Amino acid sequence: MKNTLAILASATILATPALAEELAVVGSWSNLPLYQDFETPFWTEQLSELTGGEFTAQLTSFDQMGIAGADVYRMLGDGVFDVGSTVADYTVGDAPELEGLDVPLLANTPAEARAMVEAARPMVDDIMRERFGAQVLGIAPYPPQVVFCKGEVASIADLEGKKVRGSGRMTTKFLEALGAEGINVAFSEVPGALERAVIDCAVTGAGSGYSAGWWEVSDTLMTLPLGGWDSVVIAMNGDRFDGLSAEQQEMLSNAVAEGLEGPAWDAAEGGLANDIACLTGEGECASGEAASMMLVEPSEEDVATAREILTAEVLPDWASRAGAEWITRWNESVGQSVGVSIEQ
């Protein structure tokens, strides 16, 4: 009898699948498409499917937790949760070298932006390990960061003297070089700030601005990508990642690439055209009701002026904060991919 029970017990253990690794995941802004359309279905449904039940996740977002985007990687490194996602530019106070991931005005298409990210990835991997003790799982884009203004704006020269909310430190430096006043306003507070004339303009992704209703309190949309693509780094606590087997590490990394990172980049193709149509009413809006903002596309003069300010003032300013090692690495990776070199 004892032998029979032992055999049955062994058979039961063998027939029972191993318990899944459950991950505590903190995602990006909960009211924007990246979280709603990509992060949520991936972490709550596709992760388990893509890993054969090896991983599951409990998902929330940093704004639902009531923490600032700038605190996500710091808390991730402290082990408060297993996986965290936020805009890389939010954390440059802790890691100024991360600004090199999303330099404005260098990528005008999703393909160009993705090529920049792929070139920067080895550098970002090292930065996240050194600064936050975190392992990069993927990097996903928001839409290109364009300019929403209350009132008429015909060119970037018209931003001179205006109070403008930037989307990152490089963008703010660029605005100041134009003669604008860079104002620090949280994304969620922008509509109220525009309505009360605390700011005249604000920079964010076209789709993000549409989803957040910025078109209700602004009149003009300038499509020059002053803020880059606001790349979101998806990272895992390094100790937690290192505690997985090599097979689990590969499985999780591949799942993020296939189920979250890849689809987000694929959706960026054609996404800007839809976002502009939704904001201006010029074209078909597949996302909902179209607004009627005035569309201002950059002139050749605007582009030339912006590039000159970027190379003469913005990038040298970043170089002074990031340090020689990281600038050399940027020149040899991202810089080569876009044909720009920062002098040291």
C-alpha atoms as a PDB file:
ATOM      1  CA  MET A   1       0.000   0.000   0.000  1.00  0.00           C
ATOM      2  CA  LYS A   2       2.790   2.427   0.917  1.00  0.00           C
ATOM      3  CA  ASN A   3       4.540   1.728  -2.373  1.00  0.00           C
ATOM      4  CA  THR A   4       1.316   2.322  -4.293  1.00  0.00           C
ATOM      5  CA  LEU A   5       0.716   5.679  -2.545  1.00  0.00           C
ATOM      6  CA  ALA A   6       4.275   6.746  -3.234  1.00  0.00           C
ATOM      7  CA  ILE A   7       3.912   5.914  -6.925  1.00  0.00           C
ATOM      8  CA  LEU A   8       0.616   7.846  -7.124  1.00  0.00           C
ATOM      9  CA  ALA A   9       2.136  10.846  -5.353  1.00  0.00           C
ATOM     10  CA  SER A  10       5.108  10.866  -7.714  1.00  0.00           C
ATOM     11  CA  ALA A  11       2.801  10.634 -10.721  1.00  0.00           C
ATOM     12  CA  THR A  12       0.739  13.571  -9.445  1.00  0.00           C
ATOM     13  CA  ILE A  13       3.827  15.749  -8.997  1.00  0.00           C
ATOM     14  CA  LEU A  14       5.052  14.897 -12.483  1.00  0.00           C
ATOM     15  CA  ALA A  15       1.637  15.678 -13.996  1.00  0.00           C
ATOM     16  CA  THR A  16       1.357  19.061 -12.269  1.00  0.00           C
ATOM     17  CA  PRO A  17       2.964  21.965 -14.191  1.00  0.00           C
ATOM     18  CA  ALA A  18       5.530  24.055 -12.337  1.00  0.00           C
ATOM     19  CA  LEU A  19       4.191  27.210 -10.762  1.00  0.00           C
ATOM     20  CA  ALA A  20       4.491  30.206 -13.101  1.00  0.00           C
ATOM     21  CA  GLU A  21       6.806  33.085 -12.268  1.00  0.00           C
ATOM     22  CA  GLU A  22       4.413  35.939 -11.420  1.00  0.00           C
ATOM     23  CA  LEU A  23       5.803  39.385 -12.174  1.00  0.00           C
ATOM     24  CA  ALA A  24       4.725  42.643 -10.563  1.00  0.00           C
ATOM     25  CA  VAL A  25       4.702  45.054 -13.524  1.00  0.00           C
ATOM     26  CA  VAL A  26       4.394  48.851 -13.536  1.00  0.00           C
ATOM     27  CA  GLY A  27       3.536  50.244 -16.964  1.00  0.00           C
ATOM     28  CA  SER A  28       3.542  53.704 -18.540  1.00  0.00           C
ATOM     29  CA  TRP A  29       0.742  56.341 -18.606  1.00  0.00           C
ATOM     30  CA  SER A  30      -2.550  54.482 -18.165  1.00  0.00           C
ATOM     31  CA  ASN A  31      -4.621  56.820 -20.358  1.00  0.00           C
ATOM     32  CA  LEU A  32      -2.437  56.552 -23.466  1.00  0.00           C
ATOM     33  CA  PRO A  33      -2.516  54.006 -26.317  1.00  0.00           C
ATOM     34  CA  LEU A  34       0.855  52.394 -25.508  1.00  0.00           C
ATOM     35  CA  TYR A  35      -0.490  51.179 -22.173  1.00  0.00           C
ATOM     36  CA  GLN A  36      -4.048  50.480 -23.285  1.00  0.00           C
ATOM     37  CA  ASP A  37      -3.390  48.835 -26.649  1.00  0.00           C
ATOM     38  CA  PHE A  38      -0.031  47.140 -26.112  1.00  0.00           C
ATOM     39  CA  GLU A  39       1.126  46.878 -22.501  1.00  0.00           C
ATOM     40  CA  THR A  40      -2.206  45.745 -21.077  1.00  0.00           C
ATOM     41  CA  PRO A  41      -2.965  42.904 -23.508  1.00  0.00           C
ATOM     42  CA  PHE A  42       0.651  41.750 -23.471  1.00  0.00           C
ATOM     43  CA  TRP A  43       1.155  41.519 -19.711  1.00  0.00           C
ATOM     44  CA  THR A  44      -2.339  40.302 -18.832  1.00  0.00           C
ATOM     45  CA  GLU A  45      -2.910  37.805 -21.669  1.00  0.00           C
ATOM     46  CA  GLN A  46      -0.120  37.285 -24.190  1.00  0.00           C
ATOM     47  CA  LEU A  47       2.788  36.861 -21.752  1.00  0.00           C
ATOM     48  CA  SER A  48       1.453  33.557 -20.463  1.00  0.00           C
ATOM     49  CA  GLU A  49       0.617  32.366 -23.976  1.00  0.00           C
ATOM     50  CA  LEU A  50       4.023  33.310 -25.413  1.00  0.00           C
ATOM     51  CA  THR A  51       5.934  31.652 -22.553  1.00  0.00           C
ATOM     52  CA  GLY A  52       3.853  28.480 -22.325  1.00  0.00           C
ATOM     53  CA  GLY A  53       2.553  29.467 -18.909  1.00  0.00           C
ATOM     54  CA  GLU A  54       6.076  30.058 -17.554  1.00  0.00           C
ATOM     55  CA  PHE A  55       5.293  33.697 -16.665  1.00  0.00           C
ATOM     56  CA  THR A  56       2.223  35.652 -15.574  1.00  0.00           C
ATOM     57  CA  ALA A  57       1.957  39.272 -14.476  1.00  0.00           C
ATOM     58  CA  GLN A  58       0.011  41.649 -12.271  1.00  0.00           C
ATOM     59  CA  LEU A  59      -0.126  45.009 -14.051  1.00  0.00           C
ATOM     60  CA  THR A  60      -0.665  48.589 -12.965  1.00  0.00           C
ATOM     61  CA  SER A  61       0.752  51.915 -14.205  1.00  0.00           C
ATOM     62  CA  PHE A  62       2.941  54.434 -12.436  1.00  0.00           C
ATOM     63  CA  ASP A  63       0.212  57.093 -12.475  1.00  0.00           C
ATOM     64  CA  GLN A  64      -2.297  54.639 -11.004  1.00  0.00           C
ATOM     65  CA  MET A  65       0.267  53.926  -8.261  1.00  0.00           C
ATOM     66  CA  GLY A  66       0.534  57.652  -7.603  1.00  0.00           C
ATOM     67  CA  ILE A  67       4.283  57.830  -8.302  1.00  0.00           C
ATOM     68  CA  ALA A  68       6.173  60.091 -10.676  1.00  0.00           C
ATOM     69  CA  GLY A  69       7.519  58.744 -13.945  1.00  0.00           C
ATOM     70  CA  ALA A  70      10.983  59.886 -12.847  1.00  0.00           C
ATOM     71  CA  ASP A  71      10.839  57.503  -9.861  1.00  0.00           C
ATOM     72  CA  VAL A  72      10.057  54.304 -11.772  1.00  0.00           C
ATOM     73  CA  TYR A  73      13.580  53.048 -12.474  1.00  0.00           C
ATOM     74  CA  ARG A  74      14.848  54.087  -9.059  1.00  0.00           C
ATOM     75  CA  MET A  75      12.084  52.071  -7.379  1.00  0.00           C
ATOM     76  CA  LEU A  76      12.658  49.231  -9.834  1.00  0.00           C
ATOM     77  CA  GLY A  77      16.296  49.064  -8.808  1.00  0.00           C
ATOM     78  CA  ASP A  78      15.207  48.971  -5.161  1.00  0.00           C
ATOM     79  CA  GLY A  79      13.061  45.904  -5.885  1.00  0.00           C
ATOM     80  CA  VAL A  80       9.689  47.544  -5.204  1.00  0.00           C
ATOM     81  CA  PHE A  81       8.378  45.751  -8.319  1.00  0.00           C
ATOM     82  CA  ASP A  82       9.801  43.367 -10.913  1.00  0.00           C
ATOM     83  CA  VAL A  83       9.292  45.211 -14.210  1.00  0.00           C
ATOM     84  CA  GLY A  84       8.902  48.935 -14.853  1.00  0.00           C
ATOM     85  CA  SER A  85       8.284  51.112 -17.920  1.00  0.00           C
ATOM     86  CA  THR A  86       8.605  54.846 -18.263  1.00  0.00           C
ATOM     87  CA  VAL A  87       9.836  57.479 -20.696  1.00  0.00           C
ATOM     88  CA  ALA A  88      13.628  57.488 -20.633  1.00  0.00           C
ATOM     89  CA  ASP A  89      13.716  61.293 -20.649  1.00  0.00           C
ATOM     90  CA  TYR A  90      11.849  61.374 -17.336  1.00  0.00           C
ATOM     91  CA  THR A  91      14.858  59.877 -15.563  1.00  0.00           C
ATOM     92  CA  VAL A  92      17.746  61.913 -16.955  1.00  0.00           C
ATOM     93  CA  GLY A  93      18.196  63.652 -13.609  1.00  0.00           C
ATOM     94  CA  ASP A  94      19.551  60.307 -12.402  1.00  0.00           C
ATOM     95  CA  ALA A  95      21.167  59.288 -15.697  1.00  0.00           C
ATOM     96  CA  PRO A  96      21.925  62.208 -18.052  1.00  0.00           C
ATOM     97  CA  GLU A  97      23.564  59.814 -20.511  1.00  0.00           C
ATOM     98  CA  LEU A  98      20.102  58.308 -21.215  1.00  0.00           C
ATOM     99  CA  GLU A  99      19.186  61.481 -23.113  1.00  0.00           C
ATOM    100  CA  GLY A 100      21.199  60.081 -26.021  1.00  0.00           C
ATOM    101  CA  LEU A 101      18.508  57.478 -26.640  1.00  0.00           C
ATOM    102  CA  ASP A 102      15.969  60.012 -27.891  1.00  0.00           C
ATOM    103  CA  VAL A 103      17.645  63.038 -29.458  1.00  0.00           C
ATOM    104  CA  PRO A 104      15.044  65.322 -31.082  1.00  0.00           C
ATOM    105  CA  LEU A 105      14.950  66.249 -34.758  1.00  0.00           C
ATOM    106  CA  LEU A 106      17.088  63.334 -35.975  1.00  0.00           C
ATOM    107  CA  ALA A 107      14.322  60.854 -36.853  1.00  0.00           C
ATOM    108  CA  ASN A 108      11.286  61.873 -38.883  1.00  0.00           C
ATOM    109  CA  THR A 109       9.852  58.403 -39.554  1.00  0.00           C
ATOM    110  CA  PRO A 110       9.228  55.299 -37.410  1.00  0.00           C
ATOM    111  CA  ALA A 111      11.878  53.423 -39.411  1.00  0.00           C
ATOM    112  CA  GLU A 112      14.489  56.108 -38.669  1.00  0.00           C
ATOM    113  CA  ALA A 113      13.496  56.202 -35.004  1.00  0.00           C
ATOM    114  CA  ARG A 114      13.713  52.429 -34.688  1.00  0.00           C
ATOM    115  CA  ALA A 115      17.133  52.402 -36.318  1.00  0.00           C
ATOM    116  CA  MET A 116      18.322  54.982 -33.762  1.00  0.00           C
ATOM    117  CA  VAL A 117      16.967  52.876 -30.887  1.00  0.00           C
ATOM    118  CA  GLU A 118      18.617  49.720 -32.214  1.00  0.00           C
ATOM    119  CA  ALA A 119      21.927  51.556 -32.535  1.00  0.00           C
ATOM    120  CA  ALA A 120      21.610  52.886 -28.979  1.00  0.00           C
ATOM    121  CA  ARG A 121      20.454  49.611 -27.409  1.00  0.00           C
ATOM    122  CA  PRO A 122      23.880  48.288 -26.239  1.00  0.00           C
ATOM    123  CA  MET A 123      24.604  51.664 -24.654  1.00  0.00           C
ATOM    124  CA  VAL A 124      21.182  51.771 -22.978  1.00  0.00           C
ATOM    125  CA  ASP A 125      21.660  48.219 -21.678  1.00  0.00           C
ATOM    126  CA  ASP A 126      24.838  49.305 -19.894  1.00  0.00           C
ATOM    127  CA  ILE A 127      23.351  52.560 -18.591  1.00  0.00           C
ATOM    128  CA  MET A 128      20.351  50.799 -17.061  1.00  0.00           C
ATOM    129  CA  ARG A 129      22.576  48.203 -15.364  1.00  0.00           C
ATOM    130  CA  GLU A 130      25.035  50.764 -14.018  1.00  0.00           C
ATOM    131  CA  ARG A 131      22.552  53.420 -12.922  1.00  0.00           C
ATOM    132  CA  PHE A 132      19.518  51.390 -11.851  1.00  0.00           C
ATOM    133  CA  GLY A 133      20.626  47.772 -11.528  1.00  0.00           C
ATOM    134  CA  ALA A 134      18.065  46.883 -14.198  1.00  0.00           C
ATOM    135  CA  GLN A 135      17.960  44.659 -17.283  1.00  0.00           C
ATOM    136  CA  VAL A 136      16.446  46.137 -20.454  1.00  0.00           C
ATOM    137  CA  LEU A 137      13.709  43.927 -21.916  1.00  0.00           C
ATOM    138  CA  GLY A 138      12.588  46.245 -24.714  1.00  0.00           C
ATOM    139  CA  ILE A 139      12.217  49.830 -25.933  1.00  0.00           C
ATOM    140  CA  ALA A 140       8.905  51.041 -27.368  1.00  0.00           C
ATOM    141  CA  PRO A 141       7.934  54.383 -28.926  1.00  0.00           C
ATOM    142  CA  TYR A 142       5.353  56.980 -28.225  1.00  0.00           C
ATOM    143  CA  PRO A 143       4.376  58.966 -31.351  1.00  0.00           C
ATOM    144  CA  PRO A 144       6.793  61.721 -32.488  1.00  0.00           C
ATOM    145  CA  GLN A 145       6.716  64.669 -30.111  1.00  0.00           C
ATOM    146  CA  VAL A 146       5.082  67.631 -31.866  1.00  0.00           C
ATOM    147  CA  VAL A 147       3.924  71.083 -30.749  1.00  0.00           C
ATOM    148  CA  PHE A 148       0.425  72.043 -29.596  1.00  0.00           C
ATOM    149  CA  CYS A 149      -0.167  75.805 -29.322  1.00  0.00           C
ATOM    150  CA  LYS A 150      -2.999  77.996 -28.168  1.00  0.00           C
ATOM    151  CA  GLY A 151      -3.365  80.647 -30.863  1.00  0.00           C
ATOM    152  CA  GLU A 152      -1.716  80.855 -34.274  1.00  0.00           C
ATOM    153  CA  VAL A 153       1.893  79.794 -34.824  1.00  0.00           C
ATOM    154  CA  ALA A 154       3.240  79.759 -38.382  1.00  0.00           C
ATOM    155  CA  SER A 155       6.888  78.729 -37.878  1.00  0.00           C
ATOM    156  CA  ILE A 156       9.341  77.810 -35.141  1.00  0.00           C
ATOM    157  CA  ALA A 157      10.438  81.466 -35.092  1.00  0.00           C
ATOM    158  CA  ASP A 158       6.989  82.270 -33.698  1.00  0.00           C
ATOM    159  CA  LEU A 159       7.820  80.269 -30.554  1.00  0.00           C
ATOM    160  CA  GLU A 160      10.184  83.061 -29.471  1.00  0.00           C
ATOM    161  CA  GLY A 161       8.873  84.709 -26.319  1.00  0.00           C
ATOM    162  CA  LYS A 162       6.281  81.991 -25.674  1.00  0.00           C
ATOM    163  CA  LYS A 163       6.046  79.802 -22.592  1.00  0.00           C
ATOM    164  CA  VAL A 164       6.398  76.221 -23.792  1.00  0.00           C
ATOM    165  CA  ARG A 165       6.189  72.920 -21.945  1.00  0.00           C
ATOM    166  CA  GLY A 166       8.967  70.678 -23.257  1.00  0.00           C
ATOM    167  CA  SER A 167       8.962  66.876 -23.253  1.00  0.00           C
ATOM    168  CA  GLY A 168      12.546  66.435 -22.072  1.00  0.00           C
ATOM    169  CA  ARG A 169      15.714  68.287 -21.156  1.00  0.00           C
ATOM    170  CA  MET A 170      17.049  68.453 -24.714  1.00  0.00           C
ATOM    171  CA  THR A 171      13.742  69.807 -25.967  1.00  0.00           C
ATOM    172  CA  THR A 172      13.702  72.456 -23.259  1.00  0.00           C
ATOM    173  CA  LYS A 173      17.274  73.462 -24.150  1.00  0.00           C
ATOM    174  CA  PHE A 174      16.247  73.723 -27.797  1.00  0.00           C
ATOM    175  CA  LEU A 175      13.253  75.911 -26.936  1.00  0.00           C
ATOM    176  CA  GLU A 176      15.405  78.214 -24.845  1.00  0.00           C
ATOM    177  CA  ALA A 177      17.847  78.555 -27.747  1.00  0.00           C
ATOM    178  CA  LEU A 178      14.904  79.679 -29.870  1.00  0.00           C
ATOM    179  CA  GLY A 179      14.106  82.387 -27.335  1.00  0.00           C
ATOM    180  CA  ALA A 180      11.137  80.580 -25.799  1.00  0.00           C
ATOM    181  CA  GLU A 181      10.738  79.993 -22.061  1.00  0.00           C
ATOM    182  CA  GLY A 182      10.851  76.312 -21.145  1.00  0.00           C
ATOM    183  CA  ILE A 183       8.242  75.492 -18.496  1.00  0.00           C
ATOM    184  CA  ASN A 184       8.140  72.277 -16.458  1.00  0.00           C
ATOM    185  CA  VAL A 185       4.550  71.014 -16.406  1.00  0.00           C
ATOM    186  CA  ALA A 186       3.463  67.405 -15.828  1.00  0.00           C
ATOM    187  CA  PHE A 187       1.741  65.750 -18.791  1.00  0.00           C
ATOM    188  CA  SER A 188      -1.569  65.411 -16.941  1.00  0.00           C
ATOM    189  CA  GLU A 189      -1.550  69.103 -15.981  1.00  0.00           C
ATOM    190  CA  VAL A 190      -1.010  70.491 -19.494  1.00  0.00           C
ATOM    191  CA  PRO A 191      -4.667  70.998 -20.517  1.00  0.00           C
ATOM    192  CA  GLY A 192      -5.323  73.114 -17.422  1.00  0.00           C
ATOM    193  CA  ALA A 193      -2.085  75.040 -17.923  1.00  0.00           C
ATOM    194  CA  LEU A 194      -3.006  75.848 -21.535  1.00  0.00           C
ATOM    195  CA  GLU A 195      -6.518  76.847 -20.546  1.00  0.00           C
ATOM    196  CA  ARG A 196      -5.266  79.218 -17.821  1.00  0.00           C
ATOM    197  CA  ALA A 197      -2.487  80.619 -20.059  1.00  0.00           C
ATOM    198  CA  VAL A 198       0.224  79.353 -17.709  1.00  0.00           C
ATOM    199  CA  ILE A 199       1.800  78.086 -20.931  1.00  0.00           C
ATOM    200  CA  ASP A 200       1.239  79.008 -24.590  1.00  0.00           C
ATOM    201  CA  CYS A 201       2.381  75.735 -26.163  1.00  0.00           C
ATOM    202  CA  ALA A 202       3.286  72.200 -25.164  1.00  0.00           C
ATOM    203  CA  VAL A 203       5.233  69.334 -26.720  1.00  0.00           C
ATOM    204  CA  THR A 204       4.001  65.741 -26.723  1.00  0.00           C
ATOM    205  CA  GLY A 205       3.163  62.914 -29.108  1.00  0.00           C
ATOM    206  CA  ALA A 206       0.390  63.638 -31.583  1.00  0.00           C
ATOM    207  CA  GLY A 207      -1.535  60.527 -30.525  1.00  0.00           C
ATOM    208  CA  SER A 208      -0.928  61.206 -26.846  1.00  0.00           C
ATOM    209  CA  GLY A 209      -2.228  64.750 -27.215  1.00  0.00           C
ATOM    210  CA  TYR A 210      -5.298  63.491 -29.025  1.00  0.00           C
ATOM    211  CA  SER A 211      -6.036  60.834 -26.407  1.00  0.00           C
ATOM    212  CA  ALA A 212      -5.547  63.314 -23.559  1.00  0.00           C
ATOM    213  CA  GLY A 213      -7.805  65.969 -25.141  1.00  0.00           C
ATOM    214  CA  TRP A 214      -5.168  68.636 -25.694  1.00  0.00           C
ATOM    215  CA  TRP A 215      -7.015  69.637 -28.874  1.00  0.00           C
ATOM    216  CA  GLU A 216      -9.819  70.986 -26.698  1.00  0.00           C
ATOM    217  CA  VAL A 217      -7.580  73.731 -25.305  1.00  0.00           C
ATOM    218  CA  SER A 218      -5.190  74.421 -28.222  1.00  0.00           C
ATOM    219  CA  ASP A 219      -5.584  75.654 -31.797  1.00  0.00           C
ATOM    220  CA  THR A 220      -2.405  74.963 -33.783  1.00  0.00           C
ATOM    221  CA  LEU A 221      -0.499  71.738 -34.407  1.00  0.00           C
ATOM    222  CA  MET A 222       3.119  72.080 -35.579  1.00  0.00           C
ATOM    223  CA  THR A 223       4.478  68.719 -36.754  1.00  0.00           C
ATOM    224  CA  LEU A 224       8.220  69.418 -36.439  1.00  0.00           C
ATOM    225  CA  PRO A 225       9.401  66.602 -34.080  1.00  0.00           C
ATOM    226  CA  LEU A 226      10.888  68.883 -31.434  1.00  0.00           C
ATOM    227  CA  GLY A 227      10.768  66.206 -28.751  1.00  0.00           C
ATOM    228  CA  GLY A 228      11.953  63.083 -30.520  1.00  0.00           C
ATOM    229  CA  TRP A 229       9.871  59.941 -29.966  1.00  0.00           C
ATOM    230  CA  ASP A 230       9.778  59.769 -26.153  1.00  0.00           C
ATOM    231  CA  SER A 231      11.154  56.248 -26.085  1.00  0.00           C
ATOM    232  CA  VAL A 232       9.824  54.065 -23.254  1.00  0.00           C
ATOM    233  CA  VAL A 233      12.330  51.619 -21.767  1.00  0.00           C
ATOM    234  CA  ILE A 234      10.839  48.372 -20.447  1.00  0.00           C
ATOM    235  CA  ALA A 235      13.216  47.016 -17.802  1.00  0.00           C
ATOM    236  CA  MET A 236      13.382  44.324 -15.116  1.00  0.00           C
ATOM    237  CA  ASN A 237      15.031  44.439 -11.727  1.00  0.00           C
ATOM    238  CA  GLY A 238      18.514  43.064 -12.384  1.00  0.00           C
ATOM    239  CA  ASP A 239      18.612  40.714  -9.400  1.00  0.00           C
ATOM    240  CA  ARG A 240      15.207  39.300 -10.336  1.00  0.00           C
ATOM    241  CA  PHE A 241      16.326  38.782 -13.935  1.00  0.00           C
ATOM    242  CA  ASP A 242      19.626  37.226 -12.905  1.00  0.00           C
ATOM    243  CA  GLY A 243      17.728  34.808 -10.679  1.00  0.00           C
ATOM    244  CA  LEU A 244      15.958  33.304 -13.675  1.00  0.00           C
ATOM    245  CA  SER A 245      17.426  30.407 -15.599  1.00  0.00           C
ATOM    246  CA  ALA A 246      19.078  31.146 -18.944  1.00  0.00           C
ATOM    247  CA  GLU A 247      16.093  29.555 -20.676  1.00  0.00           C
ATOM    248  CA  GLN A 248      13.643  31.744 -18.745  1.00  0.00           C
ATOM    249  CA  GLN A 249      15.662  34.889 -19.484  1.00  0.00           C
ATOM    250  CA  GLU A 250      15.615  34.159 -23.206  1.00  0.00           C
ATOM    251  CA  MET A 251      11.943  33.217 -23.136  1.00  0.00           C
ATOM    252  CA  LEU A 252      10.913  36.424 -21.360  1.00  0.00           C
ATOM    253  CA  SER A 253      13.081  38.672 -23.552  1.00  0.00           C
ATOM    254  CA  ASN A 254      11.730  37.067 -26.726  1.00  0.00           C
ATOM    255  CA  ALA A 255       8.148  37.393 -25.491  1.00  0.00           C
ATOM    256  CA  VAL A 256       8.556  41.137 -24.841  1.00  0.00           C
ATOM    257  CA  ALA A 257      10.143  41.617 -28.270  1.00  0.00           C
ATOM    258  CA  GLU A 258       7.423  39.649 -30.054  1.00  0.00           C
ATOM    259  CA  GLY A 259       4.345  40.614 -28.087  1.00  0.00           C
ATOM    260  CA  LEU A 260       4.997  44.201 -26.946  1.00  0.00           C
ATOM    261  CA  GLU A 261       7.999  45.956 -28.465  1.00  0.00           C
ATOM    262  CA  GLY A 262       7.502  44.771 -32.052  1.00  0.00           C
ATOM    263  CA  PRO A 263       3.751  45.486 -32.283  1.00  0.00           C
ATOM    264  CA  ALA A 264       4.224  48.966 -30.788  1.00  0.00           C
ATOM    265  CA  TRP A 265       6.813  49.844 -33.448  1.00  0.00           C
ATOM    266  CA  ASP A 266       4.696  48.283 -36.213  1.00  0.00           C
ATOM    267  CA  ALA A 267       1.738  50.430 -35.159  1.00  0.00           C
ATOM    268  CA  ALA A 268       3.880  53.555 -35.377  1.00  0.00           C
ATOM    269  CA  GLU A 269       4.012  53.053 -39.159  1.00  0.00           C
ATOM    270  CA  GLY A 270       1.118  55.131 -40.442  1.00  0.00           C
ATOM    271  CA  GLY A 271       0.154  56.103 -36.917  1.00  0.00           C
ATOM    272  CA  LEU A 272       1.266  59.712 -37.247  1.00  0.00           C
ATOM    273  CA  ALA A 273      -0.912  60.263 -40.325  1.00  0.00           C
ATOM    274  CA  ASN A 274      -3.926  58.985 -38.412  1.00  0.00           C
ATOM    275  CA  ASP A 275      -3.091  61.117 -35.367  1.00  0.00           C
ATOM    276  CA  ILE A 276      -2.792  64.256 -37.489  1.00  0.00           C
ATOM    277  CA  ALA A 277      -6.088  63.454 -39.210  1.00  0.00           C
ATOM    278  CA  CYS A 278      -7.743  63.045 -35.809  1.00  0.00           C
ATOM    279  CA  LEU A 279      -6.363  66.362 -34.557  1.00  0.00           C
ATOM    280  CA  THR A 280      -7.011  68.436 -37.668  1.00  0.00           C
ATOM    281  CA  GLY A 281      -9.896  66.779 -39.489  1.00  0.00           C
ATOM    282  CA  GLU A 282      -7.710  66.576 -42.607  1.00  0.00           C
ATOM    283  CA  GLY A 283      -8.078  62.937 -43.628  1.00  0.00           C
ATOM    284  CA  GLU A 284      -9.786  59.941 -42.075  1.00  0.00           C
ATOM    285  CA  CYS A 285      -9.531  59.506 -38.305  1.00  0.00           C
ATOM    286  CA  ALA A 286      -9.725  55.862 -37.271  1.00  0.00           C
ATOM    287  CA  SER A 287      -9.449  56.615 -33.552  1.00  0.00           C
ATOM    288  CA  GLY A 288     -12.673  58.510 -32.933  1.00  0.00           C
ATOM    289  CA  GLU A 289     -14.102  61.959 -33.467  1.00  0.00           C
ATOM    290  CA  ALA A 290     -11.843  64.341 -35.378  1.00  0.00           C
ATOM    291  CA  ALA A 291     -10.882  67.762 -34.018  1.00  0.00           C
ATOM    292  CA  SER A 292     -10.193  70.857 -36.122  1.00  0.00           C
ATOM    293  CA  MET A 293      -6.751  72.150 -35.185  1.00  0.00           C
ATOM    294  CA  MET A 294      -4.798  74.199 -37.719  1.00  0.00           C
ATOM    295  CA  LEU A 295      -1.978  72.122 -39.223  1.00  0.00           C
ATOM    296  CA  VAL A 296       1.441  73.778 -39.615  1.00  0.00           C
ATOM    297  CA  GLU A 297       4.065  71.668 -41.351  1.00  0.00           C
ATOM    298  CA  PRO A 298       7.724  72.701 -41.019  1.00  0.00           C
ATOM    299  CA  SER A 299       9.326  74.611 -43.851  1.00  0.00           C
ATOM    300  CA  GLU A 300      12.810  73.876 -45.154  1.00  0.00           C
ATOM    301  CA  GLU A 301      13.966  76.959 -43.263  1.00  0.00           C
ATOM    302  CA  ASP A 302      12.432  75.617 -40.033  1.00  0.00           C
ATOM    303  CA  VAL A 303      14.220  72.291 -40.471  1.00  0.00           C
ATOM    304  CA  ALA A 304      17.558  73.933 -41.235  1.00  0.00           C
ATOM    305  CA  THR A 305      17.265  76.286 -38.247  1.00  0.00           C
ATOM    306  CA  ALA A 306      16.331  73.427 -35.941  1.00  0.00           C
ATOM    307  CA  ARG A 307      19.248  71.254 -37.067  1.00  0.00           C
ATOM    308  CA  GLU A 308      21.695  74.126 -36.592  1.00  0.00           C
ATOM    309  CA  ILE A 309      20.515  74.732 -33.023  1.00  0.00           C
ATOM    310  CA  LEU A 310      20.641  71.007 -32.286  1.00  0.00           C
ATOM    311  CA  THR A 311      24.232  70.540 -33.403  1.00  0.00           C
ATOM    312  CA  ALA A 312      25.602  73.889 -32.211  1.00  0.00           C
ATOM    313  CA  GLU A 313      23.932  74.169 -28.806  1.00  0.00           C
ATOM    314  CA  VAL A 314      21.784  71.232 -27.689  1.00  0.00           C
ATOM    315  CA  LEU A 315      24.151  68.312 -28.280  1.00  0.00           C
ATOM    316  CA  PRO A 316      27.243  70.096 -26.876  1.00  0.00           C
ATOM    317  CA  ASP A 317      25.233  70.934 -23.753  1.00  0.00           C
ATOM    318  CA  TRP A 318      24.330  67.268 -23.342  1.00  0.00           C
ATOM    319  CA  ALA A 319      27.953  66.240 -23.905  1.00  0.00           C
ATOM    320  CA  SER A 320      29.050  68.415 -20.989  1.00  0.00           C
ATOM    321  CA  ARG A 321      26.672  66.529 -18.677  1.00  0.00           C
ATOM    322  CA  ALA A 322      26.948  62.991 -20.030  1.00  0.00           C
ATOM    323  CA  GLY A 323      30.746  62.709 -20.043  1.00  0.00           C
ATOM    324  CA  ALA A 324      33.343  61.754 -22.633  1.00  0.00           C
ATOM    325  CA  GLU A 325      32.863  57.970 -22.424  1.00  0.00           C
ATOM    326  CA  TRP A 326      29.189  58.085 -23.290  1.00  0.00           C
ATOM    327  CA  ILE A 327      29.619  60.711 -26.000  1.00  0.00           C
ATOM    328  CA  THR A 328      32.246  58.529 -27.673  1.00  0.00           C
ATOM    329  CA  ARG A 329      29.880  55.562 -27.539  1.00  0.00           C
ATOM    330  CA  TRP A 330      27.008  57.693 -28.885  1.00  0.00           C
ATOM    331  CA  ASN A 331      29.144  58.967 -31.781  1.00  0.00           C
ATOM    332  CA  GLU A 332      30.138  55.394 -32.659  1.00  0.00           C
ATOM    333  CA  SER A 333      26.556  54.083 -32.573  1.00  0.00           C
ATOM    334  CA  VAL A 334      23.630  56.484 -32.856  1.00  0.00           C
ATOM    335  CA  GLY A 335      25.738  59.243 -34.373  1.00  0.00           C
ATOM    336  CA  GLN A 336      26.963  56.994 -37.156  1.00  0.00           C
ATOM    337  CA  SER A 337      23.412  55.853 -37.909  1.00  0.00           C
ATOM    338  CA  VAL A 338      22.166  59.436 -38.385  1.00  0.00           C
ATOM    339  CA  GLY A 339      25.310  61.097 -39.720  1.00  0.00           C
ATOM    340  CA  VAL A 340      25.885  63.377 -36.713  1.00  0.00           C
ATOM    341  CA  SER A 341      29.034  63.605 -34.579  1.00  0.00           C
ATOM    342  CA  ILE A 342      29.372  65.517 -31.319  1.00  0.00           C
ATOM    343  CA  GLU A 343      32.707  67.258 -30.881  1.00  0.00           C
ATOM    344  CA  GLN A 344      34.419  66.800 -27.514  1.00  0.00           C
END
